[in-house]
C-alpha atoms as a PDB file:
ATOM      1  CA  MET A   1     -45.190   0.224 -14.057  1.00  0.00           C
ATOM      2  CA  LYS A   2     -43.641   3.288 -15.799  1.00  0.00           C
ATOM      3  CA  THR A   3     -42.650   4.578 -12.397  1.00  0.00           C
ATOM      4  CA  THR A   4     -40.798   1.371 -11.563  1.00  0.00           C
ATOM      5  CA  ILE A   5     -38.911   1.404 -14.863  1.00  0.00           C
ATOM      6  CA  ILE A   6     -38.010   5.084 -14.477  1.00  0.00           C
ATOM      7  CA  SER A   7     -36.867   4.429 -10.899  1.00  0.00           C
ATOM      8  CA  LEU A   8     -34.687   1.524 -12.053  1.00  0.00           C
ATOM      9  CA  LEU A   9     -33.133   3.627 -14.813  1.00  0.00           C
ATOM     10  CA  VAL A  10     -32.362   6.506 -12.405  1.00  0.00           C
ATOM     11  CA  PHE A  11     -30.837   4.054  -9.891  1.00  0.00           C
ATOM     12  CA  ALA A  12     -28.776   2.429 -12.619  1.00  0.00           C
ATOM     13  CA  MET A  13     -27.432   5.879 -13.783  1.00  0.00           C
ATOM     14  CA  TYR A  14     -26.656   6.786 -10.193  1.00  0.00           C
ATOM     15  CA  ALA A  15     -24.840   3.454  -9.593  1.00  0.00           C
ATOM     16  CA  MET A  16     -22.756   3.906 -12.774  1.00  0.00           C
ATOM     17  CA  ASN A  17     -21.520   7.285 -11.493  1.00  0.00           C
ATOM     18  CA  LEU A  18     -20.394   5.625  -8.202  1.00  0.00           C
ATOM     19  CA  VAL A  19     -18.382   2.893  -9.954  1.00  0.00           C
ATOM     20  CA  HIS A  20     -15.107   4.099 -11.359  1.00  0.00           C
ATOM     21  CA  ALA A  21     -11.615   2.765 -11.655  1.00  0.00           C
ATOM     22  CA  GLN A  22      -9.283   3.273  -8.666  1.00  0.00           C
ATOM     23  CA  ALA A  23      -5.645   2.660  -8.093  1.00  0.00           C
ATOM     24  CA  PRO A  24      -5.085  -0.219  -5.631  1.00  0.00           C
ATOM     25  CA  GLY A  25      -4.269   0.640  -2.045  1.00  0.00           C
ATOM     26  CA  LYS A  26      -2.475  -2.714  -1.721  1.00  0.00           C
ATOM     27  CA  PHE A  27      -2.196  -5.869  -3.739  1.00  0.00           C
ATOM     28  CA  ASN A  28      -1.106  -9.409  -2.960  1.00  0.00           C
ATOM     29  CA  TYR A  29       2.255 -10.828  -4.010  1.00  0.00           C
ATOM     30  CA  GLN A  30       3.931 -14.174  -3.467  1.00  0.00           C
ATOM     31  CA  GLY A  31       7.538 -15.208  -4.042  1.00  0.00           C
ATOM     32  CA  ILE A  32       9.856 -18.046  -3.295  1.00  0.00           C
ATOM     33  CA  ALA A  33      13.259 -17.170  -1.772  1.00  0.00           C
ATOM     34  CA  ARG A  34      16.270 -19.239  -2.720  1.00  0.00           C
ATOM     35  CA  ASP A  35      19.971 -19.013  -2.096  1.00  0.00           C
ATOM     36  CA  ASN A  36      22.621 -18.748  -4.819  1.00  0.00           C
ATOM     37  CA  ASN A  37      22.558 -22.559  -5.200  1.00  0.00           C
ATOM     38  CA  GLY A  38      18.820 -22.684  -5.732  1.00  0.00           C
ATOM     39  CA  LYS A  39      17.933 -24.067  -2.280  1.00  0.00           C
ATOM     40  CA  PHE A  40      14.873 -22.794  -0.445  1.00  0.00           C
ATOM     41  CA  LEU A  41      15.461 -20.261   2.272  1.00  0.00           C
ATOM     42  CA  SER A  42      13.185 -22.215   4.636  1.00  0.00           C
ATOM     43  CA  HIS A  43      11.759 -20.793   7.869  1.00  0.00           C
ATOM     44  CA  GLN A  44      13.901 -17.671   7.531  1.00  0.00           C
ATOM     45  CA  LYS A  45      13.278 -14.006   8.365  1.00  0.00           C
ATOM     46  CA  LEU A  46      14.079 -11.902   5.289  1.00  0.00           C
ATOM     47  CA  SER A  47      13.987  -8.234   4.347  1.00  0.00           C
ATOM     48  CA  LEU A  48      12.487  -7.357   1.027  1.00  0.00           C
ATOM     49  CA  ARG A  49      12.966  -4.160  -1.041  1.00  0.00           C
ATOM     50  CA  ILE A  50      10.005  -3.829  -3.479  1.00  0.00           C
ATOM     51  CA  LEU A  51      10.269  -1.535  -6.441  1.00  0.00           C
ATOM     52  CA  ILE A  52       7.528  -0.849  -9.036  1.00  0.00           C
ATOM     53  CA  LEU A  53       9.237   0.129 -12.288  1.00  0.00           C
ATOM     54  CA  PRO A  54       7.704   1.780 -15.354  1.00  0.00           C
ATOM     55  CA  THR A  55       9.897  -0.185 -17.855  1.00  0.00           C
ATOM     56  CA  VAL A  56      11.815  -3.413 -17.625  1.00  0.00           C
ATOM     57  CA  ASP A  57      15.169  -1.648 -17.746  1.00  0.00           C
ATOM     58  CA  SER A  58      14.280   1.357 -15.607  1.00  0.00           C
ATOM     59  CA  THR A  59      16.433   2.230 -12.622  1.00  0.00           C
ATOM     60  CA  ARG A  60      14.104   4.839 -11.224  1.00  0.00           C
ATOM     61  CA  PRO A  61      11.050   3.287  -9.406  1.00  0.00           C
ATOM     62  CA  GLU A  62       7.590   4.828  -9.369  1.00  0.00           C
ATOM     63  CA  TYR A  63       7.196   3.252  -5.895  1.00  0.00           C
ATOM     64  CA  GLU A  64       9.467   1.716  -3.369  1.00  0.00           C
ATOM     65  CA  GLU A  65       8.966   0.046  -0.013  1.00  0.00           C
ATOM     66  CA  ILE A  66      10.687  -2.349   2.461  1.00  0.00           C
ATOM     67  CA  GLN A  67       9.025  -5.292   4.238  1.00  0.00           C
ATOM     68  CA  SER A  68      10.057  -8.000   6.607  1.00  0.00           C
ATOM     69  CA  VAL A  69       8.740 -11.505   6.070  1.00  0.00           C
ATOM     70  CA  GLU A  70       9.219 -15.094   7.291  1.00  0.00           C
ATOM     71  CA  THR A  71       9.338 -17.890   4.731  1.00  0.00           C
ATOM     72  CA  ASN A  72       7.686 -21.287   5.081  1.00  0.00           C
ATOM     73  CA  GLU A  73       9.465 -24.690   4.555  1.00  0.00           C
ATOM     74  CA  PHE A  74       9.456 -24.039   0.787  1.00  0.00           C
ATOM     75  CA  GLY A  75      10.833 -20.577   0.978  1.00  0.00           C
ATOM     76  CA  LEU A  76       7.477 -19.139   0.117  1.00  0.00           C
ATOM     77  CA  TYR A  77       6.458 -15.747   1.364  1.00  0.00           C
ATOM     78  CA  THR A  78       3.241 -13.740   0.951  1.00  0.00           C
ATOM     79  CA  ILE A  79       2.989  -9.980   1.281  1.00  0.00           C
ATOM     80  CA  GLN A  80       0.670  -7.111   0.384  1.00  0.00           C
ATOM     81  CA  ILE A  81       2.602  -4.571  -1.689  1.00  0.00           C
ATOM     82  CA  GLY A  82       1.615  -1.198  -0.264  1.00  0.00           C
ATOM     83  CA  ASP A  83       1.724  -2.422   3.344  1.00  0.00           C
ATOM     84  CA  GLY A  84       5.470  -1.952   3.885  1.00  0.00           C
ATOM     85  CA  GLU A  85       7.710   0.791   5.104  1.00  0.00           C
ATOM     86  CA  HIS A  86       7.373   3.545   2.518  1.00  0.00           C
ATOM     87  CA  ILE A  87      10.732   4.667   0.885  1.00  0.00           C
ATOM     88  CA  SER A  88       9.704   6.651  -2.203  1.00  0.00           C
ATOM     89  CA  GLY A  89       6.683   7.397  -4.385  1.00  0.00           C
ATOM     90  CA  THR A  90       3.162   6.498  -3.497  1.00  0.00           C
ATOM     91  CA  LEU A  91       1.231   3.506  -4.701  1.00  0.00           C
ATOM     92  CA  ASP A  92      -1.788   5.621  -5.627  1.00  0.00           C
ATOM     93  CA  LYS A  93       0.440   7.818  -7.840  1.00  0.00           C
ATOM     94  CA  VAL A  94       1.818   4.900  -9.990  1.00  0.00           C
ATOM     95  CA  SER A  95       0.719   5.579 -13.515  1.00  0.00           C
ATOM     96  CA  TRP A  96      -0.973   2.226 -14.049  1.00  0.00           C
ATOM     97  CA  GLU A  97      -2.755   3.485 -17.108  1.00  0.00           C
ATOM     98  CA  THR A  98       0.394   3.831 -19.135  1.00  0.00           C
ATOM     99  CA  GLY A  99       0.972   0.153 -19.677  1.00  0.00           C
ATOM    100  CA  ASN A 100       2.899  -2.694 -18.045  1.00  0.00           C
ATOM    101  CA  LYS A 101       4.663  -2.196 -14.733  1.00  0.00           C
ATOM    102  CA  TYR A 102       7.556  -4.339 -13.471  1.00  0.00           C
ATOM    103  CA  ILE A 103       8.044  -5.496  -9.877  1.00  0.00           C
ATOM    104  CA  HIS A 104      11.692  -5.813  -8.758  1.00  0.00           C
ATOM    105  CA  ILE A 105      12.233  -7.643  -5.473  1.00  0.00           C
ATOM    106  CA  ALA A 106      15.567  -7.496  -3.749  1.00  0.00           C
ATOM    107  CA  ILE A 107      16.195  -9.742  -0.714  1.00  0.00           C
ATOM    108  CA  ASP A 108      18.468  -9.577   2.350  1.00  0.00           C
ATOM    109  CA  PRO A 109      18.461 -13.161   3.615  1.00  0.00           C
ATOM    110  CA  LYS A 110      19.783 -11.953   6.967  1.00  0.00           C
ATOM    111  CA  GLY A 111      16.862  -9.637   7.554  1.00  0.00           C
ATOM    112  CA  GLY A 112      18.932  -6.343   7.273  1.00  0.00           C
ATOM    113  CA  SER A 113      19.383  -3.848   4.507  1.00  0.00           C
ATOM    114  CA  ASP A 114      22.075  -5.506   2.386  1.00  0.00           C
ATOM    115  CA  PHE A 115      19.799  -6.219  -0.576  1.00  0.00           C
ATOM    116  CA  THR A 116      20.750  -8.434  -3.514  1.00  0.00           C
END
């Protein structure tokens, strides 16, 4: 009986050493694309520029990438941030532990690089 308890304790301590916080490699994000009049950009290919910012008013991103997506009938798109064309920074170097991060999404409704 003592051997079983000791074995379980050793296993639990080993397992605790294996489990530690890690920065995400990718994470899911959904958005709805609309035009200036609020109408859905339905079934449209878009380019997105994704920025992860350290503060709400920051102009210097910790991470930046570009992705191409196609919306559904409601203008909905789903992406994995971290899966796009890398522009600057690395997702695993974002200082997640320092507090809130802000995601800024810029869209080119024509699928190019004229982001608004």
